[in-house]
Amino acid sequence: MGELWLRNLFENLPAGVYVTDAAGKSVWCNPAMLELAGSESPENITLNLLLPDGTPLPRDAWPVADAGGVEILIESAGGQRTPVIVYSNPYDDDTGVFAGTISLFANISSRKESEAATRERLSQLIHREKNEIQTIQSLLSGAQREATHPEAKDILAGVARRIGAVTAAQTAIGRVDGGTFEAQALLQAVGQNASQSFGPKLDIEIGPSAVRLPVRAAVPLAIIANELIGNAVQHARGDRSRVAVRLDLQPANGESLLTVKDDGPGFEPATVKHRASGLGLVEALARQLGGRLEVTTQRGTCCMVRINLR
């Protein structure tokens, strides 16, 4: 099962796939990506990206290798603007050097068009989108099982987990009330996604939470929790068969504090490869939520993300 098989899979995904080299130059994209960009051929594709309010996003401003669950607009060559959620995964060459990024653009037009509809209509929409995202996740999980190259397996597994985190966010906002959702529902959904992804490697505990957050926090928060849990499995398990992780979200001095704590030996963030650990992505999304990432390493690693959306 080689590169051709994986390419055929990506060409038939119902989401845009965009591959760049280390310099950010286009290497390959699938038909769905061409449609989003309004291009006729991969050689002529140009991405015109905007913030949700329509402000142009400079090419060097969006985190090519650290984008996860970020909502933006993509403007086609014909001027049509499509809301998408973009999440990316870096890949290395045979020597372990960063070689580029594979990004997936999920079209969320249908959800955006229905935000002002009734709760029943919104619930139906979220359910449909959740099924669509789960279909993509299943395709990627299947590709991961079939792939023989370790690098391809790792990339597919990482993308599948991030898609699963977006699905978890959709599950949580399916219970929206007055523009807010229960954080507990999101934590439970993220924990379930992590358990399914890592299996016996992970023993996860979800703390009780009475926090309610605005809908716009759902996807970034789900991605943050997913990255920190994955980071714990990668760095805190060591030679053990499994790692214990506790996930909490509590009010703290007018803010909300997300905590992901493991029972590993601890590590210094500066010693971990920034791209591989996902800490760069977490920091970017924390800023999007008006907060910051804090890491302590006494008796395991404790990652805390403060959220301030006032």
Protein backbone atom coordinates (compact mmCIF):
# COMPACT_ATOMS: atom_id res chain seq x y z
CA MET A 1 0.00 0.00 0.00
CA GLY A 2 2.00 2.97 -1.24
CA GLU A 3 1.92 6.62 -2.17
CA LEU A 4 -0.43 6.10 -5.14
CA TRP A 5 -3.06 4.50 -2.91
CA LEU A 6 -2.85 7.38 -0.41
CA ARG A 7 -3.09 9.93 -3.19
CA ASN A 8 -6.21 8.24 -4.56
CA LEU A 9 -7.71 8.40 -1.09
CA PHE A 10 -7.00 12.11 -0.69
CA GLU A 11 -8.33 12.88 -4.17
CA ASN A 12 -11.72 11.51 -3.14
CA LEU A 13 -11.99 13.14 0.29
CA PRO A 14 -14.97 15.56 0.68
CA ALA A 15 -12.57 18.22 2.02
CA GLY A 16 -9.72 20.24 0.55
CA VAL A 17 -6.23 18.75 0.97
CA TYR A 18 -3.26 21.05 0.37
CA VAL A 19 0.38 19.94 0.58
CA THR A 20 3.27 22.42 0.74
CA ASP A 21 7.04 22.11 0.97
CA ALA A 22 9.19 23.56 3.76
CA ALA A 23 9.11 26.99 2.10
CA GLY A 24 5.32 27.00 1.91
CA LYS A 25 5.23 26.39 -1.85
CA SER A 26 2.37 24.30 -3.23
CA VAL A 27 3.32 20.68 -3.89
CA TRP A 28 -0.05 18.99 -4.42
CA CYS A 29 -3.76 19.46 -3.80
CA ASN A 30 -6.92 17.43 -4.37
CA PRO A 31 -9.97 18.32 -6.53
CA ALA A 32 -11.93 19.59 -3.52
CA MET A 33 -9.13 22.06 -2.80
CA LEU A 34 -9.13 23.24 -6.42
CA GLU A 35 -12.86 23.88 -6.13
CA LEU A 36 -12.44 25.89 -2.92
CA ALA A 37 -9.67 27.98 -4.48
CA GLY A 38 -11.47 28.35 -7.80
CA SER A 39 -8.45 27.02 -9.70
CA GLU A 40 -8.39 24.70 -12.68
CA SER A 41 -5.03 23.06 -12.03
CA PRO A 42 -2.71 22.49 -9.06
CA GLU A 43 0.04 24.46 -10.82
CA ASN A 44 -2.07 27.63 -10.81
CA ILE A 45 -3.57 27.37 -7.35
CA THR A 46 -3.29 30.45 -5.15
CA LEU A 47 -4.69 30.61 -1.64
CA ASN A 48 -6.32 33.91 -0.71
CA LEU A 49 -7.08 33.58 3.00
CA LEU A 50 -9.11 35.96 5.14
CA LEU A 51 -10.09 36.29 8.77
CA PRO A 52 -13.77 35.56 9.52
CA ASP A 53 -14.50 39.33 9.40
CA GLY A 54 -13.08 39.57 5.88
CA THR A 55 -9.71 41.10 6.81
CA PRO A 56 -6.94 39.79 4.52
CA LEU A 57 -4.65 37.30 6.23
CA PRO A 58 -1.01 37.74 5.10
CA ARG A 59 0.63 34.56 3.84
CA ASP A 60 3.22 34.66 6.60
CA ALA A 61 0.66 35.33 9.35
CA TRP A 62 -1.19 32.06 9.42
CA PRO A 63 0.62 29.13 11.10
CA VAL A 64 1.23 26.82 8.16
CA ALA A 65 2.46 23.89 10.25
CA ASP A 66 0.55 24.68 13.42
CA ALA A 67 -2.99 25.42 12.24
CA GLY A 68 -5.66 23.39 13.95
CA GLY A 69 -9.36 24.10 14.24
CA VAL A 70 -8.89 27.69 13.05
CA GLU A 71 -11.88 29.21 11.31
CA ILE A 72 -11.04 31.39 8.31
CA LEU A 73 -12.42 32.34 4.91
CA ILE A 74 -10.96 31.18 1.63
CA GLU A 75 -11.65 33.42 -1.35
CA SER A 76 -11.74 31.76 -4.76
CA ALA A 77 -10.28 33.24 -7.91
CA GLY A 78 -13.84 34.27 -8.84
CA GLY A 79 -14.37 36.17 -5.57
CA GLN A 80 -16.52 33.60 -3.78
CA ARG A 81 -15.78 33.39 -0.06
CA THR A 82 -16.17 30.06 1.71
CA PRO A 83 -15.90 29.62 5.49
CA VAL A 84 -13.63 26.71 6.38
CA ILE A 85 -11.96 25.14 9.37
CA VAL A 86 -8.30 24.44 8.66
CA TYR A 87 -6.01 22.10 10.51
CA SER A 88 -2.55 21.03 9.46
CA ASN A 89 0.14 18.49 10.19
CA PRO A 90 3.87 18.87 9.50
CA TYR A 91 5.83 16.06 7.84
CA ASP A 92 9.56 15.32 7.79
CA ASP A 93 11.85 13.97 5.10
CA ASP A 94 13.78 10.70 5.41
CA THR A 95 16.40 12.38 7.59
CA GLY A 96 13.88 13.72 10.09
CA VAL A 97 14.10 17.32 8.86
CA PHE A 98 10.88 19.32 8.46
CA ALA A 99 9.87 18.98 4.82
CA GLY A 100 6.47 20.63 4.61
CA THR A 101 2.84 20.61 5.70
CA ILE A 102 -0.32 18.76 4.80
CA SER A 103 -3.43 20.85 5.48
CA LEU A 104 -7.09 19.92 5.40
CA PHE A 105 -9.76 22.56 4.74
CA ALA A 106 -13.24 21.51 5.91
CA ASN A 107 -16.03 23.51 4.29
CA ILE A 108 -18.42 24.76 6.99
CA SER A 109 -20.68 26.87 4.79
CA SER A 110 -23.79 24.92 5.69
CA ARG A 111 -23.22 25.41 9.42
CA LYS A 112 -22.52 29.11 9.08
CA GLU A 113 -25.64 29.65 7.00
CA SER A 114 -27.76 28.01 9.70
CA GLU A 115 -26.44 29.74 12.83
CA ALA A 116 -29.48 32.03 12.99
CA ALA A 117 -31.96 29.16 12.52
CA THR A 118 -33.99 27.45 15.25
CA ARG A 119 -32.39 25.10 17.78
CA GLU A 120 -33.94 22.11 16.07
CA ARG A 121 -32.55 23.14 12.70
CA LEU A 122 -29.12 23.76 14.24
CA SER A 123 -29.21 20.36 15.92
CA GLN A 124 -30.01 18.63 12.63
CA LEU A 125 -27.21 20.49 10.87
CA ILE A 126 -24.61 19.68 13.51
CA HIS A 127 -25.62 16.03 13.41
CA ARG A 128 -25.17 15.92 9.65
CA GLU A 129 -21.81 17.68 9.76
CA LYS A 130 -20.69 15.41 12.59
CA ASN A 131 -21.49 12.39 10.43
CA GLU A 132 -19.58 13.92 7.50
CA ILE A 133 -16.53 14.63 9.65
CA GLN A 134 -16.74 11.14 11.14
CA THR A 135 -16.78 9.75 7.60
CA ILE A 136 -13.55 11.61 6.84
CA GLN A 137 -12.10 10.39 10.14
CA SER A 138 -13.03 6.81 9.29
CA LEU A 139 -11.39 7.11 5.87
CA LEU A 140 -8.21 8.45 7.42
CA SER A 141 -8.21 5.79 10.14
CA GLY A 142 -8.59 3.13 7.47
CA ALA A 143 -5.75 4.68 5.50
CA GLN A 144 -3.60 4.67 8.63
CA ARG A 145 -4.18 0.95 9.14
CA GLU A 146 -3.36 0.20 5.51
CA ALA A 147 -0.31 2.46 5.23
CA THR A 148 3.06 0.74 5.55
CA HIS A 149 5.32 3.79 5.81
CA PRO A 150 5.74 4.95 9.47
CA GLU A 151 5.77 8.61 8.45
CA ALA A 152 2.49 8.22 6.55
CA LYS A 153 0.96 6.40 9.52
CA ASP A 154 1.95 9.17 11.93
CA ILE A 155 0.63 11.94 9.69
CA LEU A 156 -2.68 10.18 9.11
CA ALA A 157 -3.07 9.38 12.82
CA GLY A 158 -2.45 13.00 13.80
CA VAL A 159 -4.93 14.36 11.26
CA ALA A 160 -7.54 11.77 12.29
CA ARG A 161 -7.20 12.74 15.96
CA ARG A 162 -7.64 16.41 15.13
CA ILE A 163 -10.71 15.66 13.06
CA GLY A 164 -12.01 13.67 16.01
CA ALA A 165 -11.49 16.72 18.24
CA VAL A 166 -13.55 18.85 15.84
CA THR A 167 -16.27 16.18 16.00
CA ALA A 168 -16.12 16.41 19.80
CA ALA A 169 -16.69 20.17 19.53
CA GLN A 170 -19.68 19.58 17.27
CA THR A 171 -21.10 17.17 19.85
CA ALA A 172 -20.78 19.78 22.60
CA ILE A 173 -22.35 22.67 20.70
CA GLY A 174 -25.23 20.41 19.74
CA ARG A 175 -26.42 21.20 23.28
CA VAL A 176 -26.09 24.98 22.92
CA ASP A 177 -28.36 27.14 25.04
CA GLY A 178 -28.42 30.91 24.79
CA GLY A 179 -25.25 30.95 22.72
CA THR A 180 -23.22 28.93 25.25
CA PHE A 181 -22.49 25.26 25.78
CA GLU A 182 -21.53 23.06 28.71
CA ALA A 183 -17.76 22.63 28.91
CA GLN A 184 -18.31 19.26 30.60
CA ALA A 185 -19.90 17.88 27.43
CA LEU A 186 -16.88 18.98 25.43
CA LEU A 187 -14.38 17.48 27.89
CA GLN A 188 -16.23 14.16 27.85
CA ALA A 189 -16.32 14.08 24.03
CA VAL A 190 -12.62 14.98 23.74
CA GLY A 191 -11.75 12.32 26.32
CA GLN A 192 -13.71 9.70 24.42
CA ASN A 193 -11.94 10.65 21.17
CA ALA A 194 -8.56 10.34 22.88
CA SER A 195 -9.45 6.97 24.42
CA GLN A 196 -10.49 5.62 21.03
CA SER A 197 -7.34 7.01 19.39
CA PHE A 198 -4.75 5.83 21.93
CA GLY A 199 -6.48 2.74 23.34
CA PRO A 200 -4.56 1.00 26.14
CA LYS A 201 -1.79 3.60 26.07
CA LEU A 202 -4.03 6.14 27.81
CA ASP A 203 -5.94 6.14 31.09
CA ILE A 204 -7.92 9.39 31.06
CA GLU A 205 -9.95 10.96 33.86
CA ILE A 206 -12.37 13.85 33.30
CA GLY A 207 -12.96 16.19 36.21
CA PRO A 208 -16.42 17.70 36.83
CA SER A 209 -17.01 21.17 35.38
CA ALA A 210 -19.90 23.61 35.64
CA VAL A 211 -18.33 26.13 33.24
CA ARG A 212 -20.31 27.36 30.24
CA LEU A 213 -18.47 28.88 27.26
CA PRO A 214 -19.50 30.66 24.04
CA VAL A 215 -19.86 28.51 20.95
CA ARG A 216 -16.82 30.11 19.28
CA ALA A 217 -14.59 28.57 21.95
CA ALA A 218 -15.64 24.98 21.22
CA VAL A 219 -13.34 24.05 18.33
CA PRO A 220 -10.16 25.81 19.59
CA LEU A 221 -10.68 24.35 23.07
CA ALA A 222 -11.23 20.85 21.70
CA ILE A 223 -8.07 21.07 19.60
CA ILE A 224 -6.06 22.39 22.57
CA ALA A 225 -7.20 19.54 24.85
CA ASN A 226 -6.54 17.00 22.08
CA GLU A 227 -3.00 18.28 21.48
CA LEU A 228 -2.10 18.31 25.19
CA ILE A 229 -3.44 14.79 25.72
CA GLY A 230 -1.50 13.55 22.68
CA ASN A 231 1.59 15.33 23.96
CA ALA A 232 1.25 13.51 27.30
CA VAL A 233 0.97 10.13 25.58
CA GLN A 234 4.04 10.88 23.46
CA HIS A 235 6.31 12.34 26.13
CA ALA A 236 5.05 11.19 29.54
CA ARG A 237 4.53 7.48 28.95
CA GLY A 238 8.21 6.67 28.54
CA ASP A 239 8.84 2.93 28.75
CA ARG A 240 5.54 2.29 30.52
CA SER A 241 2.59 0.62 28.82
CA ARG A 242 0.21 3.48 29.63
CA VAL A 243 0.02 7.01 31.00
CA ALA A 244 -2.64 8.52 33.28
CA VAL A 245 -4.01 11.93 32.29
CA ARG A 246 -6.57 14.12 34.07
CA LEU A 247 -8.53 16.77 32.17
CA ASP A 248 -10.19 19.65 34.06
CA LEU A 249 -11.85 22.98 33.27
CA GLN A 250 -12.65 25.25 36.20
CA PRO A 251 -13.36 28.96 36.81
CA ALA A 252 -10.33 30.89 38.10
CA ASN A 253 -10.31 34.59 38.98
CA GLY A 254 -12.78 35.58 36.30
CA GLU A 255 -11.22 33.29 33.69
CA SER A 256 -11.62 29.63 32.82
CA LEU A 257 -8.65 27.35 33.41
CA LEU A 258 -8.13 24.20 31.34
CA THR A 259 -5.71 21.77 33.00
CA VAL A 260 -4.16 18.64 31.49
CA LYS A 261 -2.00 16.79 34.01
CA ASP A 262 -0.12 13.52 33.53
CA ASP A 263 1.74 11.14 35.85
CA GLY A 264 4.94 11.08 33.81
CA PRO A 265 8.46 12.19 34.74
CA GLY A 266 7.94 15.73 33.48
CA PHE A 267 9.85 17.56 30.76
CA GLU A 268 11.19 20.99 29.93
CA PRO A 269 9.12 22.57 27.11
CA ALA A 270 12.29 24.08 25.62
CA THR A 271 13.77 20.60 25.10
CA VAL A 272 10.78 19.29 23.11
CA LYS A 273 10.61 19.82 19.36
CA HIS A 274 8.06 22.60 18.99
CA ARG A 275 6.41 21.21 15.87
CA ALA A 276 6.31 17.61 17.06
CA SER A 277 4.93 18.40 20.52
CA GLY A 278 2.05 20.57 19.32
CA LEU A 279 2.88 23.24 21.91
CA GLY A 280 3.13 25.89 19.19
CA LEU A 281 -0.39 25.08 18.08
CA VAL A 282 -1.66 25.17 21.67
CA GLU A 283 -0.05 28.57 22.25
CA ALA A 284 -1.60 29.98 19.07
CA LEU A 285 -5.08 28.72 19.93
CA ALA A 286 -4.72 29.89 23.54
CA ARG A 287 -4.09 33.41 22.23
CA GLN A 288 -7.19 33.04 20.05
CA LEU A 289 -9.14 32.41 23.26
CA GLY A 290 -7.62 35.44 24.95
CA GLY A 291 -5.36 33.33 27.13
CA ARG A 292 -1.95 31.72 27.40
CA LEU A 293 -0.26 28.38 28.00
CA GLU A 294 1.57 27.65 31.26
CA VAL A 295 3.58 24.48 31.90
CA THR A 296 4.85 23.11 35.21
CA THR A 297 6.80 19.88 35.63
CA GLN A 298 6.60 18.92 39.30
CA ARG A 299 5.25 15.38 39.84
CA GLY A 300 4.41 14.97 36.18
CA THR A 301 3.67 17.63 33.61
CA CYS A 302 0.78 20.01 34.18
CA CYS A 303 -0.29 22.13 31.20
CA MET A 304 -2.67 24.98 31.97
CA VAL A 305 -4.46 27.16 29.44
CA ARG A 306 -6.23 30.25 30.69
CA ILE A 307 -9.30 31.33 28.71
CA ASN A 308 -10.57 34.89 28.80
CA LEU A 309 -13.31 35.64 26.27
CA ARG A 310 -14.73 38.78 27.86
